[in-house]
Amino acid sequence: MDIKSKVIDSEGFQRIISRISHEILEKNKGTKNLILMGMRTRGEFLARRIQQKIEEIEQIELPLAILDVTLYRDDFRTRLKQPEVSFSNITLDITEKDIILIDDVLYTGRTVRSAMNAIMDLGRPGTIQFVVLVDRGHKELPIKADYVGKNIPTSLREEIKVKMQEVDGEDAIYLVELKEEKEK
């Protein structure tokens, strides 16, 4: 895997979080009825940052839940060799709440579909809105984010690597080129 470019640096990362937080507040006319729900792993940390920003702006506490969709994925048994399964920590009543589902990268849409299935198993929310840091294209399902940090079109030989301070020691978004596998 070769880094082609650093698309977003730390300052750009913070601007995206600030902008998305304001957009959520504007679209929902405040925080009434909202629950933020971050998808493990980087979506969780992104959700915590959005939560902190909204709390800073509105001076309120906003509920946050963490969602693990590993067992809901349609490639659980076929593609994932040894999936690391953890549990969602959702103890909130989500009935008729407006869920703000948060993830780092939107690619095929399959992970988001899995998340929606998991949410529906927890209850019946009023709405589900989707936040993504990067939309890289190549969707296989009719899923579109309500809030997008940055659209970064990629080829099938490219990937987006989101680095977050909490996991990787830096805040950045990289465009990387996948190396071709050598023929055996």
N, C-alpha and C. Protein backbone atom coordinates (compact mmCIF):
# COMPACT_ATOMS: atom_id res chain seq x y z
N MET A 1 0.85 -1.17 0.00
CA MET A 1 0.00 0.00 0.00
C MET A 1 0.90 1.24 0.00
N ASP A 2 0.71 2.10 -0.97
CA ASP A 2 1.52 3.31 -1.10
C ASP A 2 0.65 4.55 -0.91
N ILE A 3 1.13 5.47 -0.10
CA ILE A 3 0.41 6.73 0.11
C ILE A 3 0.54 7.58 -1.15
N LYS A 4 -0.60 7.96 -1.72
CA LYS A 4 -0.59 8.84 -2.89
C LYS A 4 -0.63 10.30 -2.46
N SER A 5 -1.47 10.59 -1.44
CA SER A 5 -1.54 11.97 -0.95
C SER A 5 -2.21 12.04 0.41
N LYS A 6 -1.85 13.08 1.12
CA LYS A 6 -2.52 13.39 2.38
C LYS A 6 -3.61 14.38 2.00
N VAL A 7 -4.86 13.94 2.02
CA VAL A 7 -5.99 14.74 1.53
C VAL A 7 -6.43 15.75 2.58
N ILE A 8 -6.43 15.34 3.84
CA ILE A 8 -6.87 16.21 4.94
C ILE A 8 -5.84 16.12 6.06
N ASP A 9 -5.44 17.28 6.57
CA ASP A 9 -4.53 17.30 7.72
C ASP A 9 -5.33 17.52 9.00
N SER A 10 -4.63 17.67 10.10
CA SER A 10 -5.27 17.81 11.41
C SER A 10 -6.23 19.00 11.48
N GLU A 11 -5.80 20.14 10.94
CA GLU A 11 -6.66 21.33 10.97
C GLU A 11 -7.91 21.13 10.12
N GLY A 12 -7.75 20.53 8.96
CA GLY A 12 -8.89 20.24 8.10
C GLY A 12 -9.86 19.26 8.75
N PHE A 13 -9.30 18.30 9.46
CA PHE A 13 -10.09 17.32 10.19
C PHE A 13 -10.99 18.02 11.21
N GLN A 14 -10.41 18.95 11.96
CA GLN A 14 -11.18 19.68 12.98
C GLN A 14 -12.25 20.57 12.34
N ARG A 15 -11.94 21.17 11.20
CA ARG A 15 -12.95 21.99 10.50
C ARG A 15 -14.13 21.14 10.04
N ILE A 16 -13.86 19.93 9.56
CA ILE A 16 -14.93 19.04 9.12
C ILE A 16 -15.83 18.69 10.30
N ILE A 17 -15.25 18.34 11.44
CA ILE A 17 -16.04 18.00 12.63
C ILE A 17 -16.90 19.18 13.06
N SER A 18 -16.33 20.37 13.03
CA SER A 18 -17.07 21.57 13.41
C SER A 18 -18.23 21.81 12.44
N ARG A 19 -17.96 21.71 11.14
CA ARG A 19 -19.01 21.96 10.14
C ARG A 19 -20.13 20.94 10.25
N ILE A 20 -19.79 19.66 10.36
CA ILE A 20 -20.81 18.62 10.46
C ILE A 20 -21.65 18.83 11.72
N SER A 21 -21.02 19.18 12.82
CA SER A 21 -21.75 19.42 14.07
C SER A 21 -22.77 20.54 13.90
N HIS A 22 -22.36 21.62 13.25
CA HIS A 22 -23.29 22.72 13.00
C HIS A 22 -24.41 22.31 12.05
N GLU A 23 -24.09 21.50 11.03
CA GLU A 23 -25.11 21.04 10.09
C GLU A 23 -26.15 20.16 10.78
N ILE A 24 -25.70 19.30 11.69
CA ILE A 24 -26.63 18.45 12.45
C ILE A 24 -27.58 19.32 13.26
N LEU A 25 -27.04 20.30 13.95
CA LEU A 25 -27.86 21.20 14.76
C LEU A 25 -28.85 21.98 13.90
N GLU A 26 -28.39 22.46 12.76
CA GLU A 26 -29.27 23.24 11.88
C GLU A 26 -30.40 22.38 11.33
N LYS A 27 -30.07 21.19 10.81
CA LYS A 27 -31.09 20.34 10.20
C LYS A 27 -32.12 19.87 11.24
N ASN A 28 -31.67 19.62 12.46
CA ASN A 28 -32.55 19.09 13.50
C ASN A 28 -33.10 20.17 14.43
N LYS A 29 -32.80 21.43 14.12
CA LYS A 29 -33.27 22.56 14.93
C LYS A 29 -32.91 22.38 16.40
N GLY A 30 -31.65 22.02 16.62
CA GLY A 30 -31.16 21.82 17.98
C GLY A 30 -30.89 20.36 18.26
N THR A 31 -30.95 19.99 19.54
CA THR A 31 -30.57 18.64 19.95
C THR A 31 -31.73 17.81 20.50
N LYS A 32 -32.91 18.40 20.56
CA LYS A 32 -34.05 17.68 21.12
C LYS A 32 -34.28 16.39 20.33
N ASN A 33 -34.38 15.28 21.04
CA ASN A 33 -34.69 13.98 20.46
C ASN A 33 -33.51 13.29 19.78
N LEU A 34 -32.31 13.88 19.81
CA LEU A 34 -31.15 13.30 19.12
C LEU A 34 -30.41 12.30 19.97
N ILE A 35 -29.92 11.24 19.32
CA ILE A 35 -28.96 10.31 19.90
C ILE A 35 -27.86 10.12 18.86
N LEU A 36 -26.61 10.37 19.24
CA LEU A 36 -25.48 10.08 18.37
C LEU A 36 -25.13 8.61 18.52
N MET A 37 -24.82 7.94 17.41
CA MET A 37 -24.46 6.53 17.45
C MET A 37 -23.25 6.31 16.55
N GLY A 38 -22.10 6.07 17.18
CA GLY A 38 -20.87 5.84 16.44
C GLY A 38 -20.65 4.38 16.15
N MET A 39 -20.20 4.08 14.93
CA MET A 39 -19.91 2.70 14.53
C MET A 39 -18.46 2.40 14.83
N ARG A 40 -18.23 1.26 15.49
CA ARG A 40 -16.87 0.88 15.84
C ARG A 40 -16.03 0.76 14.59
N THR A 41 -14.83 1.15 14.51
CA THR A 41 -13.98 1.73 15.54
C THR A 41 -13.86 3.24 15.37
N ARG A 42 -13.50 3.69 14.20
CA ARG A 42 -13.26 5.12 14.03
C ARG A 42 -14.54 5.94 14.07
N GLY A 43 -15.66 5.35 13.71
CA GLY A 43 -16.94 6.05 13.84
C GLY A 43 -17.27 6.36 15.28
N GLU A 44 -16.80 5.50 16.18
CA GLU A 44 -16.98 5.72 17.61
C GLU A 44 -16.25 6.99 18.05
N PHE A 45 -15.00 7.11 17.64
CA PHE A 45 -14.21 8.28 18.05
C PHE A 45 -14.69 9.55 17.36
N LEU A 46 -15.12 9.41 16.12
CA LEU A 46 -15.69 10.54 15.40
C LEU A 46 -16.97 11.01 16.10
N ALA A 47 -17.80 10.08 16.53
CA ALA A 47 -19.03 10.42 17.24
C ALA A 47 -18.73 11.14 18.55
N ARG A 48 -17.72 10.68 19.26
CA ARG A 48 -17.34 11.34 20.52
C ARG A 48 -16.90 12.79 20.27
N ARG A 49 -16.19 13.00 19.18
CA ARG A 49 -15.74 14.36 18.87
C ARG A 49 -16.92 15.26 18.46
N ILE A 50 -17.84 14.70 17.68
CA ILE A 50 -19.04 15.47 17.31
C ILE A 50 -19.87 15.76 18.55
N GLN A 51 -19.98 14.78 19.43
CA GLN A 51 -20.70 14.98 20.69
C GLN A 51 -20.07 16.13 21.48
N GLN A 52 -18.76 16.13 21.61
CA GLN A 52 -18.06 17.20 22.36
C GLN A 52 -18.29 18.55 21.71
N LYS A 53 -18.24 18.61 20.38
CA LYS A 53 -18.43 19.88 19.68
C LYS A 53 -19.86 20.40 19.86
N ILE A 54 -20.84 19.53 19.72
CA ILE A 54 -22.23 19.94 19.89
C ILE A 54 -22.48 20.38 21.33
N GLU A 55 -21.92 19.66 22.29
CA GLU A 55 -22.08 20.04 23.70
C GLU A 55 -21.43 21.39 23.97
N GLU A 56 -20.30 21.65 23.32
CA GLU A 56 -19.63 22.95 23.45
C GLU A 56 -20.51 24.06 22.88
N ILE A 57 -21.15 23.81 21.74
CA ILE A 57 -22.00 24.81 21.08
C ILE A 57 -23.29 25.04 21.86
N GLU A 58 -23.96 23.96 22.24
CA GLU A 58 -25.30 24.02 22.83
C GLU A 58 -25.33 24.05 24.35
N GLN A 59 -24.21 23.73 24.98
CA GLN A 59 -24.15 23.69 26.44
C GLN A 59 -25.14 22.69 27.04
N ILE A 60 -25.21 21.53 26.44
CA ILE A 60 -26.08 20.45 26.93
C ILE A 60 -25.32 19.12 26.84
N GLU A 61 -25.87 18.09 27.48
CA GLU A 61 -25.32 16.75 27.33
C GLU A 61 -26.12 16.02 26.27
N LEU A 62 -25.43 15.41 25.34
CA LEU A 62 -26.06 14.71 24.24
C LEU A 62 -25.78 13.21 24.37
N PRO A 63 -26.82 12.35 24.31
CA PRO A 63 -26.59 10.91 24.45
C PRO A 63 -25.75 10.35 23.31
N LEU A 64 -24.89 9.41 23.66
CA LEU A 64 -24.01 8.75 22.69
C LEU A 64 -24.07 7.25 22.91
N ALA A 65 -24.21 6.50 21.82
CA ALA A 65 -24.19 5.04 21.86
C ALA A 65 -23.13 4.56 20.88
N ILE A 66 -22.58 3.40 21.16
CA ILE A 66 -21.57 2.80 20.29
C ILE A 66 -22.16 1.51 19.71
N LEU A 67 -22.06 1.38 18.39
CA LEU A 67 -22.67 0.26 17.68
C LEU A 67 -21.59 -0.60 17.02
N ASP A 68 -21.63 -1.90 17.27
CA ASP A 68 -20.75 -2.85 16.61
C ASP A 68 -21.63 -3.68 15.68
N VAL A 69 -21.34 -3.66 14.38
CA VAL A 69 -22.19 -4.35 13.41
C VAL A 69 -21.56 -5.62 12.85
N THR A 70 -20.48 -6.08 13.46
CA THR A 70 -19.76 -7.24 12.93
C THR A 70 -20.69 -8.41 12.64
N LEU A 71 -21.55 -8.76 13.58
CA LEU A 71 -22.41 -9.93 13.40
C LEU A 71 -23.55 -9.69 12.41
N TYR A 72 -23.76 -8.45 12.00
CA TYR A 72 -24.82 -8.12 11.05
C TYR A 72 -24.31 -8.04 9.61
N ARG A 73 -23.00 -8.12 9.43
CA ARG A 73 -22.45 -7.96 8.09
C ARG A 73 -22.79 -9.16 7.21
N ASP A 74 -23.05 -8.89 5.92
CA ASP A 74 -23.38 -9.99 5.02
C ASP A 74 -22.15 -10.78 4.59
N ASP A 75 -20.96 -10.27 4.91
CA ASP A 75 -19.74 -11.00 4.59
C ASP A 75 -19.08 -11.58 5.83
N PHE A 76 -19.84 -11.68 6.91
CA PHE A 76 -19.31 -12.16 8.19
C PHE A 76 -18.64 -13.53 8.05
N ARG A 77 -19.29 -14.46 7.37
CA ARG A 77 -18.75 -15.81 7.27
C ARG A 77 -17.88 -16.01 6.03
N THR A 78 -18.02 -15.17 5.03
CA THR A 78 -17.28 -15.40 3.79
C THR A 78 -15.97 -14.63 3.70
N ARG A 79 -15.99 -13.35 4.05
CA ARG A 79 -14.81 -12.53 3.84
C ARG A 79 -13.99 -12.33 5.11
N LEU A 80 -14.65 -12.18 6.22
CA LEU A 80 -13.95 -11.89 7.46
C LEU A 80 -13.41 -13.19 8.06
N LYS A 81 -12.10 -13.30 8.13
CA LYS A 81 -11.49 -14.54 8.59
C LYS A 81 -11.68 -14.73 10.09
N GLN A 82 -11.13 -13.88 10.88
CA GLN A 82 -11.25 -13.95 12.33
C GLN A 82 -11.79 -12.61 12.81
N PRO A 83 -13.07 -12.36 12.66
CA PRO A 83 -13.59 -11.06 13.05
C PRO A 83 -13.46 -10.84 14.55
N GLU A 84 -13.12 -9.63 14.90
CA GLU A 84 -13.06 -9.28 16.31
C GLU A 84 -14.44 -8.75 16.68
N VAL A 85 -15.15 -9.53 17.44
CA VAL A 85 -16.52 -9.19 17.79
C VAL A 85 -16.53 -8.55 19.18
N SER A 86 -17.10 -7.37 19.25
CA SER A 86 -17.32 -6.74 20.54
C SER A 86 -18.79 -6.41 20.61
N PHE A 87 -19.22 -5.87 21.72
CA PHE A 87 -20.64 -5.63 21.89
C PHE A 87 -20.97 -4.16 21.82
N SER A 88 -22.14 -3.88 21.31
CA SER A 88 -22.65 -2.51 21.31
C SER A 88 -23.03 -2.16 22.74
N ASN A 89 -22.82 -0.90 23.11
CA ASN A 89 -23.17 -0.50 24.48
C ASN A 89 -24.42 0.37 24.47
N ILE A 90 -25.47 -0.13 23.88
CA ILE A 90 -26.66 0.68 23.72
C ILE A 90 -27.68 0.30 24.78
N THR A 91 -27.82 1.16 25.77
CA THR A 91 -28.79 0.96 26.85
C THR A 91 -29.89 2.01 26.76
N LEU A 92 -29.80 2.87 25.77
CA LEU A 92 -30.78 3.94 25.59
C LEU A 92 -32.03 3.42 24.89
N ASP A 93 -33.17 4.00 25.21
CA ASP A 93 -34.39 3.71 24.47
C ASP A 93 -34.36 4.55 23.20
N ILE A 94 -34.30 3.90 22.05
CA ILE A 94 -34.20 4.63 20.79
C ILE A 94 -35.55 4.85 20.11
N THR A 95 -36.61 4.38 20.72
CA THR A 95 -37.95 4.49 20.13
C THR A 95 -38.30 5.95 19.86
N GLU A 96 -38.64 6.22 18.60
CA GLU A 96 -39.03 7.55 18.12
C GLU A 96 -37.94 8.61 18.28
N LYS A 97 -36.71 8.19 18.52
CA LYS A 97 -35.59 9.13 18.60
C LYS A 97 -35.00 9.34 17.22
N ASP A 98 -34.31 10.45 17.05
CA ASP A 98 -33.61 10.73 15.80
C ASP A 98 -32.17 10.29 15.98
N ILE A 99 -31.82 9.19 15.32
CA ILE A 99 -30.50 8.60 15.45
C ILE A 99 -29.57 9.25 14.42
N ILE A 100 -28.43 9.72 14.90
CA ILE A 100 -27.38 10.24 14.02
C ILE A 100 -26.30 9.17 13.98
N LEU A 101 -26.32 8.34 12.95
CA LEU A 101 -25.38 7.24 12.77
C LEU A 101 -24.10 7.79 12.16
N ILE A 102 -22.95 7.45 12.75
CA ILE A 102 -21.68 8.08 12.36
C ILE A 102 -20.63 7.02 12.04
N ASP A 103 -19.99 7.17 10.87
CA ASP A 103 -18.90 6.28 10.46
C ASP A 103 -17.82 7.10 9.76
N ASP A 104 -16.67 6.48 9.53
CA ASP A 104 -15.57 7.23 8.93
C ASP A 104 -15.61 7.25 7.40
N VAL A 105 -15.82 6.09 6.75
CA VAL A 105 -15.76 6.04 5.28
C VAL A 105 -17.00 5.32 4.74
N LEU A 106 -17.62 5.91 3.73
CA LEU A 106 -18.71 5.25 3.00
C LEU A 106 -18.13 4.71 1.71
N TYR A 107 -18.26 3.41 1.52
CA TYR A 107 -17.73 2.76 0.32
C TYR A 107 -18.88 2.06 -0.39
N THR A 108 -19.15 0.81 -0.11
CA THR A 108 -20.21 0.08 -0.82
C THR A 108 -21.60 0.34 -0.24
N GLY A 109 -21.66 0.71 1.04
CA GLY A 109 -22.94 0.92 1.71
C GLY A 109 -23.36 -0.28 2.53
N ARG A 110 -22.64 -1.38 2.44
CA ARG A 110 -23.03 -2.61 3.13
C ARG A 110 -22.90 -2.49 4.65
N THR A 111 -21.90 -1.78 5.13
CA THR A 111 -21.75 -1.61 6.58
C THR A 111 -22.89 -0.77 7.13
N VAL A 112 -23.30 0.26 6.40
CA VAL A 112 -24.40 1.11 6.84
C VAL A 112 -25.70 0.31 6.85
N ARG A 113 -25.91 -0.51 5.86
CA ARG A 113 -27.10 -1.37 5.84
C ARG A 113 -27.10 -2.28 7.06
N SER A 114 -25.95 -2.84 7.38
CA SER A 114 -25.82 -3.70 8.56
C SER A 114 -26.16 -2.91 9.83
N ALA A 115 -25.69 -1.68 9.89
CA ALA A 115 -25.96 -0.83 11.06
C ALA A 115 -27.45 -0.56 11.19
N MET A 116 -28.12 -0.30 10.08
CA MET A 116 -29.55 -0.04 10.14
C MET A 116 -30.32 -1.28 10.61
N ASN A 117 -29.87 -2.47 10.18
CA ASN A 117 -30.49 -3.71 10.66
C ASN A 117 -30.31 -3.84 12.18
N ALA A 118 -29.11 -3.54 12.65
CA ALA A 118 -28.84 -3.63 14.09
C ALA A 118 -29.70 -2.63 14.87
N ILE A 119 -29.82 -1.42 14.35
CA ILE A 119 -30.63 -0.40 15.02
C ILE A 119 -32.09 -0.84 15.10
N MET A 120 -32.61 -1.39 14.02
CA MET A 120 -34.01 -1.82 14.01
C MET A 120 -34.25 -2.97 14.98
N ASP A 121 -33.21 -3.77 15.26
CA ASP A 121 -33.35 -4.82 16.27
C ASP A 121 -33.42 -4.24 17.68
N LEU A 122 -32.94 -3.01 17.85
CA LEU A 122 -32.95 -2.35 19.16
C LEU A 122 -34.25 -1.60 19.43
N GLY A 123 -34.98 -1.26 18.39
CA GLY A 123 -36.21 -0.49 18.55
C GLY A 123 -36.58 0.18 17.25
N ARG A 124 -37.55 1.07 17.32
CA ARG A 124 -37.99 1.77 16.12
C ARG A 124 -37.74 3.25 16.27
N PRO A 125 -36.61 3.72 15.69
CA PRO A 125 -36.31 5.16 15.79
C PRO A 125 -37.25 5.98 14.92
N GLY A 126 -37.36 7.28 15.24
CA GLY A 126 -38.14 8.19 14.40
C GLY A 126 -37.47 8.36 13.05
N THR A 127 -36.16 8.64 13.08
CA THR A 127 -35.37 8.77 11.84
C THR A 127 -33.98 8.24 12.10
N ILE A 128 -33.31 7.88 11.02
CA ILE A 128 -31.88 7.57 11.06
C ILE A 128 -31.22 8.48 10.04
N GLN A 129 -30.30 9.32 10.52
CA GLN A 129 -29.52 10.19 9.64
C GLN A 129 -28.10 9.68 9.66
N PHE A 130 -27.40 9.80 8.54
CA PHE A 130 -26.08 9.20 8.41
C PHE A 130 -25.01 10.25 8.19
N VAL A 131 -23.98 10.19 9.04
CA VAL A 131 -22.81 11.08 8.94
C VAL A 131 -21.62 10.23 8.51
N VAL A 132 -20.88 10.72 7.53
CA VAL A 132 -19.66 10.03 7.13
C VAL A 132 -18.57 11.07 6.93
N LEU A 133 -17.37 10.74 7.39
CA LEU A 133 -16.24 11.63 7.22
C LEU A 133 -15.85 11.72 5.75
N VAL A 134 -15.80 10.56 5.07
CA VAL A 134 -15.40 10.52 3.66
C VAL A 134 -16.35 9.61 2.88
N ASP A 135 -16.85 10.12 1.77
CA ASP A 135 -17.60 9.31 0.80
C ASP A 135 -16.66 9.08 -0.37
N ARG A 136 -16.26 7.83 -0.58
CA ARG A 136 -15.28 7.53 -1.62
C ARG A 136 -15.89 6.98 -2.91
N GLY A 137 -17.22 6.85 -2.94
CA GLY A 137 -17.87 6.33 -4.14
C GLY A 137 -17.92 4.81 -4.16
N HIS A 138 -18.36 4.24 -5.28
CA HIS A 138 -18.44 2.80 -5.51
C HIS A 138 -19.55 2.11 -4.71
N LYS A 139 -20.65 2.79 -4.47
CA LYS A 139 -21.73 2.19 -3.70
C LYS A 139 -22.36 1.02 -4.45
N GLU A 140 -22.72 -0.01 -3.69
CA GLU A 140 -23.41 -1.17 -4.22
C GLU A 140 -24.87 -1.19 -3.80
N LEU A 141 -25.20 -0.33 -2.85
CA LEU A 141 -26.57 -0.24 -2.34
C LEU A 141 -27.02 1.22 -2.43
N PRO A 142 -28.32 1.47 -2.51
CA PRO A 142 -28.79 2.86 -2.64
C PRO A 142 -28.77 3.60 -1.30
N ILE A 143 -27.55 3.88 -0.83
CA ILE A 143 -27.36 4.55 0.45
C ILE A 143 -26.58 5.83 0.22
N LYS A 144 -27.07 6.90 0.84
CA LYS A 144 -26.44 8.21 0.70
C LYS A 144 -26.34 8.84 2.07
N ALA A 145 -25.21 9.46 2.35
CA ALA A 145 -25.03 10.12 3.64
C ALA A 145 -25.77 11.45 3.67
N ASP A 146 -26.31 11.78 4.85
CA ASP A 146 -26.98 13.06 5.04
C ASP A 146 -25.95 14.17 5.28
N TYR A 147 -24.83 13.80 5.87
CA TYR A 147 -23.75 14.75 6.19
C TYR A 147 -22.44 14.12 5.74
N VAL A 148 -21.71 14.81 4.87
CA VAL A 148 -20.45 14.29 4.34
C VAL A 148 -19.34 15.29 4.64
N GLY A 149 -18.28 14.78 5.26
CA GLY A 149 -17.12 15.63 5.52
C GLY A 149 -16.42 16.00 4.23
N LYS A 150 -16.14 15.01 3.39
CA LYS A 150 -15.44 15.25 2.12
C LYS A 150 -15.77 14.11 1.16
N ASN A 151 -16.06 14.47 -0.08
CA ASN A 151 -16.20 13.49 -1.15
C ASN A 151 -14.82 13.32 -1.78
N ILE A 152 -14.32 12.08 -1.78
CA ILE A 152 -13.03 11.80 -2.40
C ILE A 152 -13.22 10.62 -3.34
N PRO A 153 -13.49 10.89 -4.61
CA PRO A 153 -13.67 9.80 -5.56
C PRO A 153 -12.39 8.98 -5.67
N THR A 154 -12.54 7.66 -5.67
CA THR A 154 -11.38 6.78 -5.76
C THR A 154 -11.56 5.80 -6.90
N SER A 155 -10.44 5.25 -7.36
CA SER A 155 -10.51 4.14 -8.30
C SER A 155 -10.63 2.87 -7.46
N LEU A 156 -10.86 1.75 -8.11
CA LEU A 156 -10.97 0.50 -7.37
C LEU A 156 -9.61 0.05 -6.83
N ARG A 157 -8.54 0.65 -7.32
CA ARG A 157 -7.19 0.32 -6.85
C ARG A 157 -6.72 1.29 -5.76
N GLU A 158 -7.63 2.16 -5.31
CA GLU A 158 -7.28 3.12 -4.26
C GLU A 158 -8.18 2.90 -3.05
N GLU A 159 -7.67 3.33 -1.90
CA GLU A 159 -8.45 3.29 -0.67
C GLU A 159 -8.26 4.60 0.06
N ILE A 160 -9.17 4.84 0.98
CA ILE A 160 -9.06 5.97 1.90
C ILE A 160 -8.63 5.42 3.25
N LYS A 161 -7.61 5.99 3.83
CA LYS A 161 -7.17 5.61 5.17
C LYS A 161 -7.39 6.80 6.09
N VAL A 162 -8.30 6.61 7.04
CA VAL A 162 -8.56 7.65 8.03
C VAL A 162 -7.70 7.34 9.25
N LYS A 163 -6.93 8.31 9.65
CA LYS A 163 -6.10 8.19 10.86
C LYS A 163 -6.71 9.10 11.92
N MET A 164 -6.86 8.56 13.12
CA MET A 164 -7.40 9.35 14.22
C MET A 164 -6.46 9.27 15.41
N GLN A 165 -6.31 10.38 16.08
CA GLN A 165 -5.40 10.50 17.21
C GLN A 165 -5.60 9.37 18.22
N GLU A 166 -6.85 9.04 18.52
CA GLU A 166 -7.16 8.03 19.53
C GLU A 166 -6.65 6.64 19.18
N VAL A 167 -6.55 6.33 17.89
CA VAL A 167 -6.16 5.00 17.44
C VAL A 167 -4.77 5.00 16.81
N ASP A 168 -4.49 6.05 16.01
CA ASP A 168 -3.31 6.06 15.16
C ASP A 168 -2.25 7.09 15.53
N GLY A 169 -2.56 7.95 16.49
CA GLY A 169 -1.59 8.96 16.89
C GLY A 169 -1.56 10.20 16.04
N GLU A 170 -2.46 10.32 15.06
CA GLU A 170 -2.57 11.53 14.25
C GLU A 170 -3.97 11.64 13.66
N ASP A 171 -4.34 12.86 13.31
CA ASP A 171 -5.59 13.11 12.61
C ASP A 171 -5.25 13.44 11.17
N ALA A 172 -5.65 12.58 10.25
CA ALA A 172 -5.38 12.81 8.84
C ALA A 172 -6.21 11.85 7.99
N ILE A 173 -6.38 12.22 6.74
CA ILE A 173 -7.04 11.34 5.77
C ILE A 173 -6.09 11.20 4.59
N TYR A 174 -5.77 9.96 4.26
CA TYR A 174 -4.83 9.66 3.18
C TYR A 174 -5.54 8.93 2.04
N LEU A 175 -5.10 9.22 0.83
CA LEU A 175 -5.48 8.44 -0.34
C LEU A 175 -4.31 7.50 -0.60
N VAL A 176 -4.57 6.19 -0.61
CA VAL A 176 -3.51 5.22 -0.81
C VAL A 176 -3.81 4.34 -2.02
N GLU A 177 -2.74 3.87 -2.65
CA GLU A 177 -2.88 2.97 -3.78
C GLU A 177 -2.57 1.57 -3.30
N LEU A 178 -3.44 0.64 -3.66
CA LEU A 178 -3.23 -0.75 -3.27
C LEU A 178 -2.19 -1.37 -4.19
N LYS A 179 -1.32 -2.17 -3.63
CA LYS A 179 -0.33 -2.87 -4.45
C LYS A 179 -1.00 -4.09 -5.06
N GLU A 180 -0.62 -4.37 -6.28
CA GLU A 180 -1.18 -5.57 -6.94
C GLU A 180 -0.57 -6.79 -6.32
N GLU A 181 -1.39 -7.81 -6.14
CA GLU A 181 -0.87 -9.07 -5.61
C GLU A 181 -0.07 -9.76 -6.71
N LYS A 182 1.06 -10.30 -6.33
CA LYS A 182 1.89 -11.02 -7.30
C LYS A 182 1.24 -12.35 -7.64
N GLU A 183 1.31 -12.71 -8.91
CA GLU A 183 0.73 -13.98 -9.32
C GLU A 183 1.55 -15.12 -8.75
N LYS A 184 0.84 -16.18 -8.37
CA LYS A 184 1.52 -17.34 -7.76
C LYS A 184 1.90 -18.35 -8.79
